[in-house]
PDB file of N, CA and C in Angstrom:
ATOM      1  N   MET A   1     181.410 259.116 117.321  1.00  0.00           N
ATOM      2  CA  MET A   1     181.664 257.743 118.057  1.00  0.00           C
ATOM      3  C   MET A   1     182.623 257.167 118.386  1.00  0.00           C
ATOM      4  N   LYS A   2     183.476 256.565 119.315  1.00  0.00           N
ATOM      5  CA  LYS A   2     184.664 255.928 119.243  1.00  0.00           C
ATOM      6  C   LYS A   2     184.292 254.843 119.116  1.00  0.00           C
ATOM      7  N   ASN A   3     185.280 254.095 118.403  1.00  0.00           N
ATOM      8  CA  ASN A   3     185.657 252.569 117.902  1.00  0.00           C
ATOM      9  C   ASN A   3     185.744 251.575 118.813  1.00  0.00           C
ATOM     10  N   TYR A   4     185.494 251.840 120.273  1.00  0.00           N
ATOM     11  CA  TYR A   4     185.843 251.256 120.913  1.00  0.00           C
ATOM     12  C   TYR A   4     184.733 250.845 122.466  1.00  0.00           C
ATOM     13  N   LYS A   5     184.346 250.168 123.229  1.00  0.00           N
ATOM     14  CA  LYS A   5     183.653 250.153 124.555  1.00  0.00           C
ATOM     15  C   LYS A   5     184.271 249.576 125.685  1.00  0.00           C
ATOM     16  N   VAL A   6     184.668 250.531 126.473  1.00  0.00           N
ATOM     17  CA  VAL A   6     185.011 249.507 127.355  1.00  0.00           C
ATOM     18  C   VAL A   6     183.749 249.075 128.564  1.00  0.00           C
ATOM     19  N   GLN A   7     183.929 247.525 129.052  1.00  0.00           N
ATOM     20  CA  GLN A   7     182.912 246.996 130.095  1.00  0.00           C
ATOM     21  C   GLN A   7     183.284 247.621 130.903  1.00  0.00           C
ATOM     22  N   THR A   8     182.269 248.552 131.948  1.00  0.00           N
ATOM     23  CA  THR A   8     182.486 248.451 133.834  1.00  0.00           C
ATOM     24  C   THR A   8     181.455 248.115 134.218  1.00  0.00           C
ATOM     25  N   ALA A   9     180.207 247.144 133.371  1.00  0.00           N
ATOM     26  CA  ALA A   9     178.948 247.160 134.280  1.00  0.00           C
ATOM     27  C   ALA A   9     178.208 246.162 133.539  1.00  0.00           C
ATOM     28  N   PRO A  10     178.799 245.133 133.614  1.00  0.00           N
ATOM     29  CA  PRO A  10     178.380 243.774 133.078  1.00  0.00           C
ATOM     30  C   PRO A  10     177.097 243.319 133.435  1.00  0.00           C
ATOM     31  N   PHE A  11     175.899 242.955 133.025  1.00  0.00           N
ATOM     32  CA  PHE A  11     174.939 242.930 133.164  1.00  0.00           C
ATOM     33  C   PHE A  11     174.683 241.314 134.412  1.00  0.00           C
ATOM     34  N   ILE A  12     174.854 241.188 135.272  1.00  0.00           N
ATOM     35  CA  ILE A  12     173.885 240.227 135.874  1.00  0.00           C
ATOM     36  C   ILE A  12     172.930 239.326 135.654  1.00  0.00           C
ATOM     37  N   VAL A  13     173.117 238.327 135.180  1.00  0.00           N
ATOM     38  CA  VAL A  13     172.164 237.525 134.753  1.00  0.00           C
ATOM     39  C   VAL A  13     171.669 236.678 136.273  1.00  0.00           C
ATOM     40  N   PRO A  14     170.322 236.948 136.149  1.00  0.00           N
ATOM     41  CA  PRO A  14     169.402 236.178 137.404  1.00  0.00           C
ATOM     42  C   PRO A  14     169.493 234.745 137.149  1.00  0.00           C
ATOM     43  N   THR A  15     169.615 234.177 137.954  1.00  0.00           N
ATOM     44  CA  THR A  15     169.760 232.526 138.263  1.00  0.00           C
ATOM     45  C   THR A  15     169.398 232.205 139.260  1.00  0.00           C
ATOM     46  N   ASP A  16     168.949 230.833 139.972  1.00  0.00           N
ATOM     47  CA  ASP A  16     168.724 230.334 141.123  1.00  0.00           C
ATOM     48  C   ASP A  16     169.095 229.318 140.999  1.00  0.00           C
ATOM     49  N   ASP A  17     170.357 228.682 140.339  1.00  0.00           N
ATOM     50  CA  ASP A  17     171.072 227.493 140.441  1.00  0.00           C
ATOM     51  C   ASP A  17     172.472 227.906 141.254  1.00  0.00           C
ATOM     52  N   GLY A  18     172.614 229.515 141.417  1.00  0.00           N
ATOM     53  CA  GLY A  18     173.574 229.737 142.669  1.00  0.00           C
ATOM     54  C   GLY A  18     175.103 229.816 141.213  1.00  0.00           C
ATOM     55  N   LYS A  19     174.824 229.806 139.914  1.00  0.00           N
ATOM     56  CA  LYS A  19     175.692 230.030 139.377  1.00  0.00           C
ATOM     57  C   LYS A  19     175.862 231.698 139.079  1.00  0.00           C
ATOM     58  N   LEU A  20     177.383 232.171 139.077  1.00  0.00           N
ATOM     59  CA  LEU A  20     177.083 233.465 138.585  1.00  0.00           C
ATOM     60  C   LEU A  20     177.369 234.033 137.012  1.00  0.00           C
ATOM     61  N   ILE A  21     176.730 234.488 136.576  1.00  0.00           N
ATOM     62  CA  ILE A  21     176.999 234.803 135.297  1.00  0.00           C
ATOM     63  C   ILE A  21     176.578 236.929 135.254  1.00  0.00           C
ATOM     64  N   GLU A  22     178.260 237.268 134.444  1.00  0.00           N
ATOM     65  CA  GLU A  22     178.057 238.799 134.232  1.00  0.00           C
ATOM     66  C   GLU A  22     178.710 238.579 132.767  1.00  0.00           C
ATOM     67  N   GLU A  23     177.638 239.025 131.913  1.00  0.00           N
ATOM     68  CA  GLU A  23     177.647 239.104 130.310  1.00  0.00           C
ATOM     69  C   GLU A  23     177.878 240.465 130.556  1.00  0.00           C
ATOM     70  N   HIS A  24     179.398 240.227 129.996  1.00  0.00           N
ATOM     71  CA  HIS A  24     180.260 241.732 129.344  1.00  0.00           C
ATOM     72  C   HIS A  24     179.411 242.514 127.950  1.00  0.00           C
ATOM     73  N   PHE A  25     179.136 241.270 126.703  1.00  0.00           N
ATOM     74  CA  PHE A  25     179.174 242.021 125.598  1.00  0.00           C
ATOM     75  C   PHE A  25     177.730 240.523 125.510  1.00  0.00           C
ATOM     76  N   GLY A  26     176.401 241.013 124.688  1.00  0.00           N
ATOM     77  CA  GLY A  26     175.438 239.741 124.503  1.00  0.00           C
ATOM     78  C   GLY A  26     174.237 240.857 124.174  1.00  0.00           C
ATOM     79  N   LEU A  27     173.113 239.427 124.122  1.00  0.00           N
ATOM     80  CA  LEU A  27     171.902 240.461 124.131  1.00  0.00           C
ATOM     81  C   LEU A  27     171.395 241.258 125.380  1.00  0.00           C
ATOM     82  N   ALA A  28     171.794 240.362 126.650  1.00  0.00           N
ATOM     83  CA  ALA A  28     171.811 241.414 128.057  1.00  0.00           C
ATOM     84  C   ALA A  28     172.111 242.878 127.903  1.00  0.00           C
ATOM     85  N   SER A  29     173.429 242.623 127.634  1.00  0.00           N
ATOM     86  CA  SER A  29     174.107 244.247 127.764  1.00  0.00           C
ATOM     87  C   SER A  29     174.244 245.248 126.785  1.00  0.00           C
ATOM     88  N   ILE A  30     175.810 245.101 126.854  1.00  0.00           N
ATOM     89  CA  ILE A  30     175.967 245.750 125.165  1.00  0.00           C
ATOM     90  C   ILE A  30     175.921 245.188 123.603  1.00  0.00           C
ATOM     91  N   GLN A  31     175.066 245.245 123.017  1.00  0.00           N
ATOM     92  CA  GLN A  31     174.597 244.270 121.748  1.00  0.00           C
ATOM     93  C   GLN A  31     176.589 244.314 121.016  1.00  0.00           C
ATOM     94  N   ALA A  32     176.467 243.123 120.627  1.00  0.00           N
ATOM     95  CA  ALA A  32     177.654 242.884 120.094  1.00  0.00           C
ATOM     96  C   ALA A  32     177.282 241.442 119.031  1.00  0.00           C
ATOM     97  N   ASP A  33     178.045 241.214 117.710  1.00  0.00           N
ATOM     98  CA  ASP A  33     177.547 239.776 116.893  1.00  0.00           C
ATOM     99  C   ASP A  33     178.190 238.792 117.959  1.00  0.00           C
ATOM    100  N   LEU A  34     178.291 239.057 119.099  1.00  0.00           N
ATOM    101  CA  LEU A  34     178.421 237.529 120.394  1.00  0.00           C
ATOM    102  C   LEU A  34     178.706 238.039 121.764  1.00  0.00           C
ATOM    103  N   SER A  35     178.593 237.205 121.945  1.00  0.00           N
ATOM    104  CA  SER A  35     178.178 237.160 123.669  1.00  0.00           C
ATOM    105  C   SER A  35     179.610 236.415 124.155  1.00  0.00           C
ATOM    106  N   LEU A  36     179.872 237.627 125.427  1.00  0.00           N
ATOM    107  CA  LEU A  36     181.426 237.236 126.588  1.00  0.00           C
ATOM    108  C   LEU A  36     180.635 237.194 127.520  1.00  0.00           C
ATOM    109  N   ALA A  37     180.915 236.376 128.304  1.00  0.00           N
ATOM    110  CA  ALA A  37     180.919 236.304 129.919  1.00  0.00           C
ATOM    111  C   ALA A  37     181.266 235.759 130.631  1.00  0.00           C
ATOM    112  N   HIS A  38     181.698 236.314 131.819  1.00  0.00           N
ATOM    113  CA  HIS A  38     182.575 235.623 132.841  1.00  0.00           C
ATOM    114  C   HIS A  38     181.604 234.797 133.826  1.00  0.00           C
ATOM    115  N   MET A  39     181.847 233.648 134.142  1.00  0.00           N
ATOM    116  CA  MET A  39     181.044 232.513 134.929  1.00  0.00           C
ATOM    117  C   MET A  39     181.771 231.769 135.656  1.00  0.00           C
ATOM    118  N   ILE A  40     181.403 231.867 137.261  1.00  0.00           N
ATOM    119  CA  ILE A  40     181.461 231.142 138.534  1.00  0.00           C
ATOM    120  C   ILE A  40     180.439 229.844 138.322  1.00  0.00           C
ATOM    121  N   ALA A  41     180.566 228.973 138.723  1.00  0.00           N
ATOM    122  CA  ALA A  41     179.735 227.632 138.931  1.00  0.00           C
ATOM    123  C   ALA A  41     180.171 227.086 140.296  1.00  0.00           C
ATOM    124  N   PRO A  42     179.115 227.056 140.865  1.00  0.00           N
ATOM    125  CA  PRO A  42     179.744 226.041 142.487  1.00  0.00           C
ATOM    126  C   PRO A  42     179.680 224.856 142.000  1.00  0.00           C
ATOM    127  N   PRO A  43     180.226 224.085 143.107  1.00  0.00           N
ATOM    128  CA  PRO A  43     179.999 222.825 143.213  1.00  0.00           C
ATOM    129  C   PRO A  43     178.569 222.601 143.010  1.00  0.00           C
ATOM    130  N   GLY A  44     178.562 220.850 142.461  1.00  0.00           N
ATOM    131  CA  GLY A  44     177.736 220.365 142.656  1.00  0.00           C
ATOM    132  C   GLY A  44     176.574 221.102 141.477  1.00  0.00           C
ATOM    133  N   TRP A  45     176.692 222.276 140.646  1.00  0.00           N
ATOM    134  CA  TRP A  45     176.277 223.112 139.745  1.00  0.00           C
ATOM    135  C   TRP A  45     176.252 221.539 138.253  1.00  0.00           C
ATOM    136  N   SER A  46     174.956 222.140 137.717  1.00  0.00           N
ATOM    137  CA  SER A  46     174.259 221.235 136.375  1.00  0.00           C
ATOM    138  C   SER A  46     173.842 221.847 136.154  1.00  0.00           C
ATOM    139  N   GLU A  47     173.472 221.627 134.466  1.00  0.00           N
ATOM    140  CA  GLU A  47     171.998 222.536 133.808  1.00  0.00           C
ATOM    141  C   GLU A  47     171.850 220.565 132.983  1.00  0.00           C
ATOM    142  N   PRO A  48     170.684 221.271 132.516  1.00  0.00           N
ATOM    143  CA  PRO A  48     170.303 219.379 131.170  1.00  0.00           C
ATOM    144  C   PRO A  48     171.310 219.824 130.021  1.00  0.00           C
ATOM    145  N   PHE A  49     170.629 218.282 129.566  1.00  0.00           N
ATOM    146  CA  PHE A  49     171.089 218.630 127.936  1.00  0.00           C
ATOM    147  C   PHE A  49     170.756 219.680 127.368  1.00  0.00           C
ATOM    148  N   GLN A  50     171.123 220.018 126.489  1.00  0.00           N
ATOM    149  CA  GLN A  50     170.962 221.404 125.490  1.00  0.00           C
ATOM    150  C   GLN A  50     171.361 220.972 123.849  1.00  0.00           C
ATOM    151  N   THR A  51     170.929 221.448 122.941  1.00  0.00           N
ATOM    152  CA  THR A  51     171.274 221.390 121.307  1.00  0.00           C
ATOM    153  C   THR A  51     171.468 223.271 121.236  1.00  0.00           C
ATOM    154  N   PRO A  52     172.112 223.789 121.459  1.00  0.00           N
ATOM    155  CA  PRO A  52     172.141 225.255 121.242  1.00  0.00           C
ATOM    156  C   PRO A  52     172.386 225.968 119.650  1.00  0.00           C
ATOM    157  N   GLU A  53     171.900 226.682 119.170  1.00  0.00           N
ATOM    158  CA  GLU A  53     171.626 227.261 117.543  1.00  0.00           C
ATOM    159  C   GLU A  53     172.741 228.174 117.613  1.00  0.00           C
ATOM    160  N   PHE A  54     173.800 227.946 118.582  1.00  0.00           N
ATOM    161  CA  PHE A  54     175.177 228.873 118.239  1.00  0.00           C
ATOM    162  C   PHE A  54     176.388 228.235 118.937  1.00  0.00           C
ATOM    163  N   ASP A  55     177.485 228.799 118.780  1.00  0.00           N
ATOM    164  CA  ASP A  55     179.132 228.054 118.672  1.00  0.00           C
ATOM    165  C   ASP A  55     179.208 228.575 120.124  1.00  0.00           C
ATOM    166  N   GLU A  56     179.470 227.597 120.545  1.00  0.00           N
ATOM    167  CA  GLU A  56     180.013 228.004 122.467  1.00  0.00           C
ATOM    168  C   GLU A  56     181.656 227.368 122.715  1.00  0.00           C
ATOM    169  N   PHE A  57     182.913 228.922 123.251  1.00  0.00           N
ATOM    170  CA  PHE A  57     183.910 228.638 123.159  1.00  0.00           C
ATOM    171  C   PHE A  57     184.063 229.121 124.623  1.00  0.00           C
ATOM    172  N   THR A  58     184.658 227.953 125.180  1.00  0.00           N
ATOM    173  CA  THR A  58     184.808 228.209 127.137  1.00  0.00           C
ATOM    174  C   THR A  58     186.670 227.932 127.260  1.00  0.00           C
ATOM    175  N   TYR A  59     186.779 228.843 128.403  1.00  0.00           N
ATOM    176  CA  TYR A  59     187.978 229.135 128.393  1.00  0.00           C
ATOM    177  C   TYR A  59     188.150 228.974 130.287  1.00  0.00           C
ATOM    178  N   LEU A  60     188.950 228.129 130.794  1.00  0.00           N
ATOM    179  CA  LEU A  60     188.567 227.493 131.875  1.00  0.00           C
ATOM    180  C   LEU A  60     190.075 228.399 132.510  1.00  0.00           C
ATOM    181  N   ILE A  61     189.178 229.072 133.646  1.00  0.00           N
ATOM    182  CA  ILE A  61     190.332 230.283 134.071  1.00  0.00           C
ATOM    183  C   ILE A  61     190.572 229.327 135.518  1.00  0.00           C
ATOM    184  N   LYS A  62     190.008 228.750 136.375  1.00  0.00           N
ATOM    185  CA  LYS A  62     190.191 227.918 137.829  1.00  0.00           C
ATOM    186  C   LYS A  62     189.273 226.956 137.911  1.00  0.00           C
ATOM    187  N   GLY A  63     189.570 225.631 138.454  1.00  0.00           N
ATOM    188  CA  GLY A  63     188.789 224.651 138.527  1.00  0.00           C
ATOM    189  C   GLY A  63     188.641 223.845 137.696  1.00  0.00           C
ATOM    190  N   LYS A  64     187.642 222.823 138.053  1.00  0.00           N
ATOM    191  CA  LYS A  64     187.031 221.914 136.675  1.00  0.00           C
ATOM    192  C   LYS A  64     186.235 222.057 136.004  1.00  0.00           C
ATOM    193  N   LYS A  65     185.602 221.834 135.069  1.00  0.00           N
ATOM    194  CA  LYS A  65     183.701 221.719 134.048  1.00  0.00           C
ATOM    195  C   LYS A  65     184.161 220.359 133.723  1.00  0.00           C
ATOM    196  N   ARG A  66     183.048 219.844 133.967  1.00  0.00           N
ATOM    197  CA  ARG A  66     182.749 219.075 133.123  1.00  0.00           C
ATOM    198  C   ARG A  66     181.378 218.726 131.825  1.00  0.00           C
ATOM    199  N   PHE A  67     181.946 218.636 130.868  1.00  0.00           N
ATOM    200  CA  PHE A  67     180.877 218.470 129.209  1.00  0.00           C
ATOM    201  C   PHE A  67     180.444 217.047 128.562  1.00  0.00           C
ATOM    202  N   LEU A  68     179.158 216.646 128.707  1.00  0.00           N
ATOM    203  CA  LEU A  68     179.044 215.723 128.091  1.00  0.00           C
ATOM    204  C   LEU A  68     178.669 216.368 127.152  1.00  0.00           C
ATOM    205  N   ILE A  69     179.223 215.282 125.921  1.00  0.00           N
ATOM    206  CA  ILE A  69     179.284 216.196 124.524  1.00  0.00           C
ATOM    207  C   ILE A  69     178.752 214.607 123.923  1.00  0.00           C
ATOM    208  N   ASP A  70     177.276 214.817 123.283  1.00  0.00           N
ATOM    209  CA  ASP A  70     177.027 213.176 122.457  1.00  0.00           C
ATOM    210  C   ASP A  70     177.649 212.446 123.706  1.00  0.00           C
ATOM    211  N   ASN A  71     178.372 211.106 123.292  1.00  0.00           N
ATOM    212  CA  ASN A  71     178.886 210.297 123.970  1.00  0.00           C
ATOM    213  C   ASN A  71     180.007 210.448 124.224  1.00  0.00           C
ATOM    214  N   ASP A  72     180.700 211.531 124.708  1.00  0.00           N
ATOM    215  CA  ASP A  72     181.763 211.540 124.897  1.00  0.00           C
ATOM    216  C   ASP A  72     181.953 212.186 126.022  1.00  0.00           C
ATOM    217  N   GLU A  73     182.930 211.957 127.568  1.00  0.00           N
ATOM    218  CA  GLU A  73     182.661 213.227 128.533  1.00  0.00           C
ATOM    219  C   GLU A  73     184.208 213.896 128.412  1.00  0.00           C
ATOM    220  N   VAL A  74     184.441 214.976 128.616  1.00  0.00           N
ATOM    221  CA  VAL A  74     185.402 215.590 128.594  1.00  0.00           C
ATOM    222  C   VAL A  74     185.167 216.902 129.734  1.00  0.00           C
ATOM    223  N   ILE A  75     186.748 216.594 130.291  1.00  0.00           N
ATOM    224  CA  ILE A  75     186.695 217.329 131.625  1.00  0.00           C
ATOM    225  C   ILE A  75     187.598 218.507 131.333  1.00  0.00           C
ATOM    226  N   LEU A  76     187.754 219.635 131.317  1.00  0.00           N
ATOM    227  CA  LEU A  76     187.867 220.867 131.204  1.00  0.00           C
ATOM    228  C   LEU A  76     188.913 221.515 132.445  1.00  0.00           C
ATOM    229  N   GLU A  77     190.183 221.602 132.502  1.00  0.00           N
ATOM    230  CA  GLU A  77     190.899 221.790 133.583  1.00  0.00           C
ATOM    231  C   GLU A  77     191.538 223.854 133.013  1.00  0.00           C
ATOM    232  N   ALA A  78     191.820 224.113 134.410  1.00  0.00           N
ATOM    233  CA  ALA A  78     192.164 225.751 134.614  1.00  0.00           C
ATOM    234  C   ALA A  78     193.486 225.544 133.370  1.00  0.00           C
ATOM    235  N   GLY A  79     192.786 226.486 132.458  1.00  0.00           N
ATOM    236  CA  GLY A  79     194.332 227.333 131.143  1.00  0.00           C
ATOM    237  C   GLY A  79     193.729 226.609 129.777  1.00  0.00           C
ATOM    238  N   GLN A  80     192.606 225.415 129.699  1.00  0.00           N
ATOM    239  CA  GLN A  80     192.591 224.638 128.581  1.00  0.00           C
ATOM    240  C   GLN A  80     191.008 225.411 128.019  1.00  0.00           C
ATOM    241  N   SER A  81     190.702 225.482 126.859  1.00  0.00           N
ATOM    242  CA  SER A  81     189.781 225.832 126.163  1.00  0.00           C
ATOM    243  C   SER A  81     189.041 224.958 125.239  1.00  0.00           C
ATOM    244  N   ILE A  82     187.510 225.085 124.749  1.00  0.00           N
ATOM    245  CA  ILE A  82     186.930 224.103 124.088  1.00  0.00           C
ATOM    246  C   ILE A  82     186.222 224.663 123.677  1.00  0.00           C
ATOM    247  N   ARG A  83     186.062 224.418 121.938  1.00  0.00           N
ATOM    248  CA  ARG A  83     184.664 225.137 121.126  1.00  0.00           C
ATOM    249  C   ARG A  83     183.981 224.300 120.837  1.00  0.00           C
ATOM    250  N   ILE A  84     182.531 224.080 121.037  1.00  0.00           N
ATOM    251  CA  ILE A  84     181.426 223.161 120.514  1.00  0.00           C
ATOM    252  C   ILE A  84     180.755 223.905 119.999  1.00  0.00           C
ATOM    253  N   SER A  85     180.512 222.774 118.526  1.00  0.00           N
ATOM    254  CA  SER A  85     179.662 223.765 117.584  1.00  0.00           C
ATOM    255  C   SER A  85     178.382 223.770 117.969  1.00  0.00           C
ATOM    256  N   LYS A  86     177.675 224.756 117.578  1.00  0.00           N
ATOM    257  CA  LYS A  86     175.991 224.675 117.186  1.00  0.00           C
ATOM    258  C   LYS A  86     175.569 223.861 116.814  1.00  0.00           C
ATOM    259  N   GLY A  87     173.986 223.096 117.517  1.00  0.00           N
ATOM    260  CA  GLY A  87     173.583 221.873 116.784  1.00  0.00           C
ATOM    261  C   GLY A  87     174.561 220.526 117.463  1.00  0.00           C
ATOM    262  N   THR A  88     175.476 220.491 118.307  1.00  0.00           N
ATOM    263  CA  THR A  88     175.775 219.482 119.706  1.00  0.00           C
ATOM    264  C   THR A  88     175.074 219.479 120.714  1.00  0.00           C
ATOM    265  N   ARG A  89     174.476 218.189 121.143  1.00  0.00           N
ATOM    266  CA  ARG A  89     173.508 218.043 122.352  1.00  0.00           C
ATOM    267  C   ARG A  89     175.378 217.902 123.414  1.00  0.00           C
ATOM    268  N   VAL A  90     174.674 218.583 124.554  1.00  0.00           N
ATOM    269  CA  VAL A  90     175.639 218.575 125.245  1.00  0.00           C
ATOM    270  C   VAL A  90     175.159 219.212 126.455  1.00  0.00           C
ATOM    271  N   GLN A  91     176.061 218.794 127.606  1.00  0.00           N
ATOM    272  CA  GLN A  91     175.587 219.224 129.489  1.00  0.00           C
ATOM    273  C   GLN A  91     176.901 219.832 129.621  1.00  0.00           C
ATOM    274  N   TYR A  92     176.557 220.430 130.643  1.00  0.00           N
ATOM    275  CA  TYR A  92     177.648 221.478 131.488  1.00  0.00           C
ATOM    276  C   TYR A  92     177.480 220.919 132.518  1.00  0.00           C
ATOM    277  N   SER A  93     177.947 221.190 133.641  1.00  0.00           N
ATOM    278  CA  SER A  93     178.137 220.315 135.036  1.00  0.00           C
ATOM    279  C   SER A  93     179.471 220.678 136.083  1.00  0.00           C
ATOM    280  N   ASN A  94     179.445 221.180 137.147  1.00  0.00           N
ATOM    281  CA  ASN A  94     180.457 220.998 137.955  1.00  0.00           C
ATOM    282  C   ASN A  94     180.426 220.020 139.257  1.00  0.00           C
ATOM    283  N   PRO A  95     180.732 218.668 139.127  1.00  0.00           N
ATOM    284  CA  PRO A  95     180.733 217.774 139.999  1.00  0.00           C
ATOM    285  C   PRO A  95     181.627 218.164 140.630  1.00  0.00           C
ATOM    286  N   PHE A  96     182.690 218.757 141.118  1.00  0.00           N
ATOM    287  CA  PHE A  96     183.870 218.716 141.674  1.00  0.00           C
ATOM    288  C   PHE A  96     183.695 219.280 143.183  1.00  0.00           C
ATOM    289  N   GLU A  97     184.367 219.359 143.683  1.00  0.00           N
ATOM    290  CA  GLU A  97     184.524 220.242 144.985  1.00  0.00           C
ATOM    291  C   GLU A  97     184.689 221.459 145.221  1.00  0.00           C
ATOM    292  N   GLU A  98     185.172 222.403 144.207  1.00  0.00           N
ATOM    293  CA  GLU A  98     185.594 223.271 143.995  1.00  0.00           C
ATOM    294  C   GLU A  98     184.629 224.161 142.649  1.00  0.00           C
ATOM    295  N   PRO A  99     184.455 225.551 142.989  1.00  0.00           N
ATOM    296  CA  PRO A  99     183.895 226.252 142.329  1.00  0.00           C
ATOM    297  C   PRO A  99     184.806 226.419 140.933  1.00  0.00           C
ATOM    298  N   CYS A 100     183.828 226.818 139.682  1.00  0.00           N
ATOM    299  CA  CYS A 100     184.681 226.305 138.106  1.00  0.00           C
ATOM    300  C   CYS A 100     184.556 228.057 137.909  1.00  0.00           C
ATOM    301  N   GLU A 101     185.692 228.319 137.649  1.00  0.00           N
ATOM    302  CA  GLU A 101     185.649 229.814 137.109  1.00  0.00           C
ATOM    303  C   GLU A 101     185.992 230.326 135.762  1.00  0.00           C
ATOM    304  N   TYR A 102     185.186 230.775 134.498  1.00  0.00           N
ATOM    305  CA  TYR A 102     185.543 230.521 133.132  1.00  0.00           C
ATOM    306  C   TYR A 102     185.043 231.892 132.229  1.00  0.00           C
ATOM    307  N   ILE A 103     185.469 231.809 131.113  1.00  0.00           N
ATOM    308  CA  ILE A 103     184.817 233.239 130.178  1.00  0.00           C
ATOM    309  C   ILE A 103     184.281 231.942 129.326  1.00  0.00           C
ATOM    310  N   ALA A 104     183.265 232.338 128.965  1.00  0.00           N
ATOM    311  CA  ALA A 104     182.572 231.657 127.409  1.00  0.00           C
ATOM    312  C   ALA A 104     182.382 232.659 126.910  1.00  0.00           C
ATOM    313  N   ILE A 105     182.048 232.656 125.676  1.00  0.00           N
ATOM    314  CA  ILE A 105     181.930 233.149 124.026  1.00  0.00           C
ATOM    315  C   ILE A 105     181.023 232.361 123.303  1.00  0.00           C
ATOM    316  N   CYS A 106     179.875 232.868 122.530  1.00  0.00           N
ATOM    317  CA  CYS A 106     179.267 232.734 122.062  1.00  0.00           C
ATOM    318  C   CYS A 106     178.642 233.592 120.661  1.00  0.00           C
ATOM    319  N   ARG A 107     178.612 232.521 119.673  1.00  0.00           N
ATOM    320  CA  ARG A 107     178.500 233.024 118.122  1.00  0.00           C
ATOM    321  C   ARG A 107     177.597 232.327 117.352  1.00  0.00           C
ATOM    322  N   PRO A 108     176.626 233.231 117.269  1.00  0.00           N
ATOM    323  CA  PRO A 108     176.102 234.395 117.410  1.00  0.00           C
ATOM    324  C   PRO A 108     175.817 234.284 118.781  1.00  0.00           C
ATOM    325  N   PRO A 109     175.254 235.829 119.313  1.00  0.00           N
ATOM    326  CA  PRO A 109     175.355 235.647 121.064  1.00  0.00           C
ATOM    327  C   PRO A 109     174.350 234.505 121.163  1.00  0.00           C
ATOM    328  N   PHE A 110     174.478 234.528 122.634  1.00  0.00           N
ATOM    329  CA  PHE A 110     173.410 233.578 123.507  1.00  0.00           C
ATOM    330  C   PHE A 110     172.039 234.138 123.502  1.00  0.00           C
ATOM    331  N   ASP A 111     171.510 233.043 123.455  1.00  0.00           N
ATOM    332  CA  ASP A 111     170.229 233.769 123.354  1.00  0.00           C
ATOM    333  C   ASP A 111     169.204 232.862 123.981  1.00  0.00           C
ATOM    334  N   ILE A 112     167.866 232.616 125.224  1.00  0.00           N
ATOM    335  CA  ILE A 112     168.116 231.348 126.146  1.00  0.00           C
ATOM    336  C   ILE A 112     166.286 230.831 125.368  1.00  0.00           C
ATOM    337  N   ASP A 113     166.443 231.565 124.253  1.00  0.00           N
ATOM    338  CA  ASP A 113     165.444 230.938 122.919  1.00  0.00           C
ATOM    339  C   ASP A 113     165.854 230.183 121.974  1.00  0.00           C
ATOM    340  N   LYS A 114     167.129 230.172 121.968  1.00  0.00           N
ATOM    341  CA  LYS A 114     167.867 229.181 120.738  1.00  0.00           C
ATOM    342  C   LYS A 114     169.023 228.133 121.827  1.00  0.00           C
ATOM    343  N   VAL A 115     168.855 228.183 123.016  1.00  0.00           N
ATOM    344  CA  VAL A 115     169.595 226.751 123.984  1.00  0.00           C
ATOM    345  C   VAL A 115     169.030 225.439 123.713  1.00  0.00           C
ATOM    346  N   ASN A 116     167.357 225.717 123.395  1.00  0.00           N
ATOM    347  CA  ASN A 116     166.951 223.716 122.955  1.00  0.00           C
ATOM    348  C   ASN A 116     167.632 223.320 124.373  1.00  0.00           C
ATOM    349  N   ARG A 117     167.154 223.847 125.568  1.00  0.00           N
ATOM    350  CA  ARG A 117     167.361 222.876 127.091  1.00  0.00           C
ATOM    351  C   ARG A 117     166.232 222.003 126.917  1.00  0.00           C
ATOM    352  N   GLU A 118     166.665 220.046 127.103  1.00  0.00           N
ATOM    353  CA  GLU A 118     166.121 219.238 127.686  1.00  0.00           C
ATOM    354  C   GLU A 118     164.865 219.493 128.692  1.00  0.00           C
ATOM    355  N   PRO A 119     164.073 218.678 129.046  1.00  0.00           N
ATOM    356  CA  PRO A 119     163.084 219.042 130.357  1.00  0.00           C
ATOM    357  C   PRO A 119     164.274 218.368 131.259  1.00  0.00           C
ATOM    358  N   SER A 120     164.083 219.010 132.354  1.00  0.00           N
ATOM    359  CA  SER A 120     165.229 217.849 133.228  1.00  0.00           C
ATOM    360  C   SER A 120     164.193 216.968 134.243  1.00  0.00           C
TER     361      SER A 120
END
C-alpha cells in the first residue's frame, strides 16, 4: 500500500444554489480525518446561519466572501484565510458582484448532519 493518494476525480457535491463543491478528501470521497474541498460560490449566494460541530478553515483564492460570525462581519479577500472554531454560529455568503473561489478544510470532516443549519 502506498503512503499517498493523488486525487484525480473529486466528488462533485450536488447543490441547488449554484455553488460548485468539489470534495477532494472527506466523507463523500476519499476517507480522511478531515475534509478538503474546492468551492466556487456565485454572486448572490448565501447559506442560512449554522453552528457546525467541526472547525472550518477557509483560504480565499479569488473574489470576496462574507462571514457573519456571532456579532461580527468579516469580509475575506483573495490571499486571506480564516479559522472558525466548532460551536461558533456563522453565516457564509457572497453578496458581491463576482464569484468567490476558495478552499475549505473541515476537521473533523464535513458532515451535513453536524452542520446544524437554522431554518431559512
